[in-house]
C-alpha atoms as a PDB file:
ATOM      1  CA  UNK A   1      98.234 -40.862-126.022  1.00  0.00           C
ATOM      2  CA  UNK A   2     100.726 -38.340-124.650  1.00  0.00           C
ATOM      3  CA  UNK A   3     103.726 -37.314-126.704  1.00  0.00           C
ATOM      4  CA  UNK A   4     106.767 -39.284-125.578  1.00  0.00           C
ATOM      5  CA  UNK A   5     109.173 -36.925-127.335  1.00  0.00           C
ATOM      6  CA  UNK A   6     108.554 -33.192-127.170  1.00  0.00           C
ATOM      7  CA  UNK A   7     110.153 -29.968-128.368  1.00  0.00           C
ATOM      8  CA  UNK A   8     113.509 -29.094-126.717  1.00  0.00           C
ATOM      9  CA  UNK A   9     114.164 -32.746-125.750  1.00  0.00           C
ATOM     10  CA  UNK A  10     117.634 -34.169-126.377  1.00  0.00           C
ATOM     11  CA  UNK A  11     117.452 -37.192-128.709  1.00  0.00           C
ATOM     12  CA  UNK A  12     119.861 -39.645-130.334  1.00  0.00           C
ATOM     13  CA  UNK A  13     119.303 -41.055-133.829  1.00  0.00           C
ATOM     14  CA  UNK A  14     119.295 -44.871-133.828  1.00  0.00           C
ATOM     15  CA  UNK A  15     119.008 -45.546-137.569  1.00  0.00           C
ATOM     16  CA  UNK A  16     119.583 -43.850-140.899  1.00  0.00           C
ATOM     17  CA  UNK A  17     122.373 -41.699-142.281  1.00  0.00           C
ATOM     18  CA  UNK A  18     122.790 -39.724-139.029  1.00  0.00           C
ATOM     19  CA  UNK A  19     122.909 -42.787-136.758  1.00  0.00           C
ATOM     20  CA  UNK A  20     124.629 -42.132-133.416  1.00  0.00           C
ATOM     21  CA  UNK A  21     124.293 -38.335-133.562  1.00  0.00           C
ATOM     22  CA  UNK A  22     122.595 -36.303-130.847  1.00  0.00           C
ATOM     23  CA  UNK A  23     120.557 -33.144-131.176  1.00  0.00           C
ATOM     24  CA  UNK A  24     117.766 -30.999-129.788  1.00  0.00           C
ATOM     25  CA  UNK A  25     114.214 -31.420-131.110  1.00  0.00           C
ATOM     26  CA  UNK A  26     113.110 -28.256-132.923  1.00  0.00           C
ATOM     27  CA  UNK A  27     109.611 -29.249-133.986  1.00  0.00           C
ATOM     28  CA  UNK A  28     107.271 -32.254-133.624  1.00  0.00           C
ATOM     29  CA  UNK A  29     104.502 -33.255-136.047  1.00  0.00           C
ATOM     30  CA  UNK A  30     102.411 -35.830-134.123  1.00  0.00           C
ATOM     31  CA  UNK A  31      99.954 -36.591-136.950  1.00  0.00           C
ATOM     32  CA  UNK A  32     102.769 -37.455-139.364  1.00  0.00           C
ATOM     33  CA  UNK A  33     104.818 -39.111-136.562  1.00  0.00           C
ATOM     34  CA  UNK A  34     107.864 -37.056-137.527  1.00  0.00           C
ATOM     35  CA  UNK A  35     110.170 -34.586-135.841  1.00  0.00           C
ATOM     36  CA  UNK A  36     112.907 -32.145-136.785  1.00  0.00           C
ATOM     37  CA  UNK A  37     116.254 -32.330-134.965  1.00  0.00           C
ATOM     38  CA  UNK A  38     118.723 -29.442-134.885  1.00  0.00           C
ATOM     39  CA  UNK A  39     121.588 -30.022-137.341  1.00  0.00           C
ATOM     40  CA  UNK A  40     120.479 -33.527-138.400  1.00  0.00           C
ATOM     41  CA  UNK A  41     119.006 -34.930-141.639  1.00  0.00           C
ATOM     42  CA  UNK A  42     120.115 -31.854-143.574  1.00  0.00           C
ATOM     43  CA  UNK A  43     118.376 -31.538-146.948  1.00  0.00           C
ATOM     44  CA  UNK A  44     119.063 -29.080-149.761  1.00  0.00           C
ATOM     45  CA  UNK A  45     116.271 -26.995-151.254  1.00  0.00           C
ATOM     46  CA  UNK A  46     116.681 -24.990-154.461  1.00  0.00           C
ATOM     47  CA  UNK A  47     114.861 -21.693-154.060  1.00  0.00           C
ATOM     48  CA  UNK A  48     114.204 -18.936-156.574  1.00  0.00           C
ATOM     49  CA  UNK A  49     114.892 -15.335-155.630  1.00  0.00           C
ATOM     50  CA  UNK A  50     111.613 -13.679-154.609  1.00  0.00           C
ATOM     51  CA  UNK A  51     110.627 -10.049-154.312  1.00  0.00           C
ATOM     52  CA  UNK A  52     108.541  -9.047-151.291  1.00  0.00           C
ATOM     53  CA  UNK A  53     107.355  -5.754-149.821  1.00  0.00           C
ATOM     54  CA  UNK A  54     110.269  -5.852-147.366  1.00  0.00           C
ATOM     55  CA  UNK A  55     112.793  -6.260-150.172  1.00  0.00           C
ATOM     56  CA  UNK A  56     114.628  -8.863-152.195  1.00  0.00           C
ATOM     57  CA  UNK A  57     114.991 -12.389-150.785  1.00  0.00           C
ATOM     58  CA  UNK A  58     118.009 -14.290-152.061  1.00  0.00           C
ATOM     59  CA  UNK A  59     117.670 -17.522-153.952  1.00  0.00           C
ATOM     60  CA  UNK A  60     120.061 -20.421-154.341  1.00  0.00           C
ATOM     61  CA  UNK A  61     120.607 -23.707-152.560  1.00  0.00           C
ATOM     62  CA  UNK A  62     119.349 -23.566-148.974  1.00  0.00           C
ATOM     63  CA  UNK A  63     120.227 -26.255-146.412  1.00  0.00           C
ATOM     64  CA  UNK A  64     117.818 -27.016-143.589  1.00  0.00           C
ATOM     65  CA  UNK A  65     116.679 -29.865-141.349  1.00  0.00           C
ATOM     66  CA  UNK A  66     114.446 -32.556-142.801  1.00  0.00           C
ATOM     67  CA  UNK A  67     111.912 -34.684-140.921  1.00  0.00           C
ATOM     68  CA  UNK A  68     112.927 -37.876-139.090  1.00  0.00           C
ATOM     69  CA  UNK A  69     110.419 -40.591-138.166  1.00  0.00           C
ATOM     70  CA  UNK A  70     109.800 -40.921-134.417  1.00  0.00           C
ATOM     71  CA  UNK A  71     110.774 -44.612-134.478  1.00  0.00           C
ATOM     72  CA  UNK A  72     114.298 -43.685-135.630  1.00  0.00           C
ATOM     73  CA  UNK A  73     115.156 -41.626-132.531  1.00  0.00           C
ATOM     74  CA  UNK A  74     115.372 -42.318-128.793  1.00  0.00           C
ATOM     75  CA  UNK A  75     115.364 -39.910-125.899  1.00  0.00           C
ATOM     76  CA  UNK A  76     118.713 -39.306-124.169  1.00  0.00           C
ATOM     77  CA  UNK A  77     118.788 -40.317-120.495  1.00  0.00           C
ATOM     78  CA  UNK A  78     119.604 -37.191-118.427  1.00  0.00           C
ATOM     79  CA  UNK A  79     121.775 -39.201-115.981  1.00  0.00           C
ATOM     80  CA  UNK A  80     124.208 -41.005-118.302  1.00  0.00           C
ATOM     81  CA  UNK A  81     123.590 -39.575-121.795  1.00  0.00           C
ATOM     82  CA  UNK A  82     122.629 -42.927-123.324  1.00  0.00           C
ATOM     83  CA  UNK A  83     119.419 -43.735-125.237  1.00  0.00           C
ATOM     84  CA  UNK A  84     116.392 -44.717-123.175  1.00  0.00           C
ATOM     85  CA  UNK A  85     112.764 -45.656-123.620  1.00  0.00           C
ATOM     86  CA  UNK A  86     110.096 -43.437-122.098  1.00  0.00           C
ATOM     87  CA  UNK A  87     107.537 -44.554-119.522  1.00  0.00           C
ATOM     88  CA  UNK A  88     104.529 -42.757-118.069  1.00  0.00           C
ATOM     89  CA  UNK A  89     103.900 -42.385-114.317  1.00  0.00           C
ATOM     90  CA  UNK A  90     100.742 -40.891-112.898  1.00  0.00           C
ATOM     91  CA  UNK A  91     101.131 -38.709-109.820  1.00  0.00           C
ATOM     92  CA  UNK A  92      98.328 -36.538-108.404  1.00  0.00           C
ATOM     93  CA  UNK A  93      96.353 -37.100-111.608  1.00  0.00           C
ATOM     94  CA  UNK A  94      99.174 -35.773-113.802  1.00  0.00           C
ATOM     95  CA  UNK A  95     101.071 -37.807-116.372  1.00  0.00           C
ATOM     96  CA  UNK A  96     104.841 -37.591-115.988  1.00  0.00           C
ATOM     97  CA  UNK A  97     107.442 -38.900-118.422  1.00  0.00           C
ATOM     98  CA  UNK A  98     110.091 -41.147-116.883  1.00  0.00           C
ATOM     99  CA  UNK A  99     113.312 -42.554-118.357  1.00  0.00           C
ATOM    100  CA  UNK A 100     113.089 -46.361-118.255  1.00  0.00           C
ATOM    101  CA  UNK A 101     116.905 -46.723-118.083  1.00  0.00           C
ATOM    102  CA  UNK A 102     117.506 -44.775-114.874  1.00  0.00           C
ATOM    103  CA  UNK A 103     114.024 -43.913-113.577  1.00  0.00           C
ATOM    104  CA  UNK A 104     114.792 -40.177-113.838  1.00  0.00           C
ATOM    105  CA  UNK A 105     111.869 -37.802-114.365  1.00  0.00           C
ATOM    106  CA  UNK A 106     111.893 -35.951-117.680  1.00  0.00           C
ATOM    107  CA  UNK A 107     109.270 -33.274-116.929  1.00  0.00           C
END
Protein backbone atom coordinates (compact mmCIF):
# COMPACT_ATOMS: atom_id res chain seq x y z
CA UNK A 1 0.00 0.00 0.00
CA UNK A 2 1.65 3.26 -1.06
CA UNK A 3 1.72 6.21 1.30
CA UNK A 4 -1.08 8.61 0.40
CA UNK A 5 0.44 11.43 2.44
CA UNK A 6 4.19 11.99 2.33
CA UNK A 7 6.77 14.36 3.77
CA UNK A 8 6.59 17.97 2.46
CA UNK A 9 2.91 17.58 1.45
CA UNK A 10 0.50 20.38 2.36
CA UNK A 11 -2.32 19.07 4.57
CA UNK A 12 -5.39 20.46 6.34
CA UNK A 13 -6.56 19.16 9.73
CA UNK A 14 -10.20 18.00 9.61
CA UNK A 15 -10.75 17.16 13.29
CA UNK A 16 -9.31 17.89 16.71
CA UNK A 17 -8.10 21.05 18.41
CA UNK A 18 -6.35 22.36 15.27
CA UNK A 19 -9.30 21.77 12.93
CA UNK A 20 -9.20 23.93 9.78
CA UNK A 21 -5.48 24.74 10.01
CA UNK A 22 -3.03 24.01 7.21
CA UNK A 23 0.60 23.00 7.44
CA UNK A 24 3.49 21.13 5.86
CA UNK A 25 4.16 17.51 6.83
CA UNK A 26 7.51 17.23 8.63
CA UNK A 27 7.62 13.51 9.33
CA UNK A 28 5.47 10.42 8.66
CA UNK A 29 5.35 7.26 10.79
CA UNK A 30 3.53 4.69 8.60
CA UNK A 31 3.55 1.85 11.16
CA UNK A 32 1.88 4.02 13.80
CA UNK A 33 -0.32 5.74 11.15
CA UNK A 34 0.71 9.16 12.46
CA UNK A 35 2.37 12.25 11.07
CA UNK A 36 3.87 15.49 12.34
CA UNK A 37 2.68 18.79 10.83
CA UNK A 38 4.68 22.01 11.07
CA UNK A 39 3.26 24.31 13.76
CA UNK A 40 0.26 22.10 14.61
CA UNK A 41 -0.63 19.96 17.65
CA UNK A 42 1.96 21.75 19.77
CA UNK A 43 2.79 19.87 22.98
CA UNK A 44 4.93 20.99 25.91
CA UNK A 45 7.76 18.82 27.20
CA UNK A 46 9.55 19.50 30.49
CA UNK A 47 13.24 18.81 30.02
CA UNK A 48 16.07 18.77 32.54
CA UNK A 49 19.29 20.60 31.77
CA UNK A 50 21.86 18.09 30.50
CA UNK A 51 25.62 18.28 30.22
CA UNK A 52 27.21 16.89 27.04
CA UNK A 53 30.70 16.91 25.57
CA UNK A 54 29.73 19.88 23.39
CA UNK A 55 28.57 21.88 26.41
CA UNK A 56 25.54 22.63 28.52
CA UNK A 57 22.07 22.05 27.04
CA UNK A 58 19.34 24.22 28.54
CA UNK A 59 16.36 22.74 30.29
CA UNK A 60 12.88 24.09 30.82
CA UNK A 61 9.58 23.79 29.00
CA UNK A 62 10.09 23.00 25.32
CA UNK A 63 7.27 23.27 22.77
CA UNK A 64 7.27 21.03 19.72
CA UNK A 65 4.90 19.31 17.30
CA UNK A 66 3.01 16.24 18.45
CA UNK A 67 1.75 13.38 16.28
CA UNK A 68 -1.60 13.56 14.46
CA UNK A 69 -3.43 10.45 13.23
CA UNK A 70 -3.56 10.13 9.43
CA UNK A 71 -7.37 9.94 9.47
CA UNK A 72 -7.55 13.45 10.98
CA UNK A 73 -5.85 15.18 8.03
CA UNK A 74 -6.58 15.55 4.31
CA UNK A 75 -4.28 16.55 1.50
CA UNK A 76 -4.72 20.07 0.11
CA UNK A 77 -5.71 20.20 -3.57
CA UNK A 78 -2.97 22.12 -5.46
CA UNK A 79 -5.55 23.81 -7.75
CA UNK A 80 -8.00 25.35 -5.27
CA UNK A 81 -6.45 24.85 -1.80
CA UNK A 82 -9.36 22.78 -0.47
CA UNK A 83 -9.15 19.30 1.11
CA UNK A 84 -9.17 16.34 -1.25
CA UNK A 85 -8.97 12.57 -1.18
CA UNK A 86 -6.05 10.86 -2.87
CA UNK A 87 -6.34 8.35 -5.71
CA UNK A 88 -3.71 6.18 -7.38
CA UNK A 89 -3.17 6.06 -11.17
CA UNK A 90 -0.79 3.65 -12.83
CA UNK A 91 1.17 4.98 -15.79
CA UNK A 92 4.09 3.12 -17.40
CA UNK A 93 4.15 0.76 -14.41
CA UNK A 94 4.56 3.62 -11.92
CA UNK A 95 2.05 4.56 -9.25
CA UNK A 96 1.12 8.23 -9.27
CA UNK A 97 -0.92 10.07 -6.65
CA UNK A 98 -3.86 12.05 -8.00
CA UNK A 99 -6.18 14.54 -6.27
CA UNK A 100 -9.74 13.19 -6.51
CA UNK A 101 -11.24 16.72 -6.33
CA UNK A 102 -9.57 18.19 -9.41
CA UNK A 103 -7.69 15.27 -11.00
CA UNK A 104 -4.36 17.10 -10.56
CA UNK A 105 -1.21 15.00 -10.24
CA UNK A 106 0.54 15.25 -6.88
CA UNK A 107 3.89 13.64 -7.80
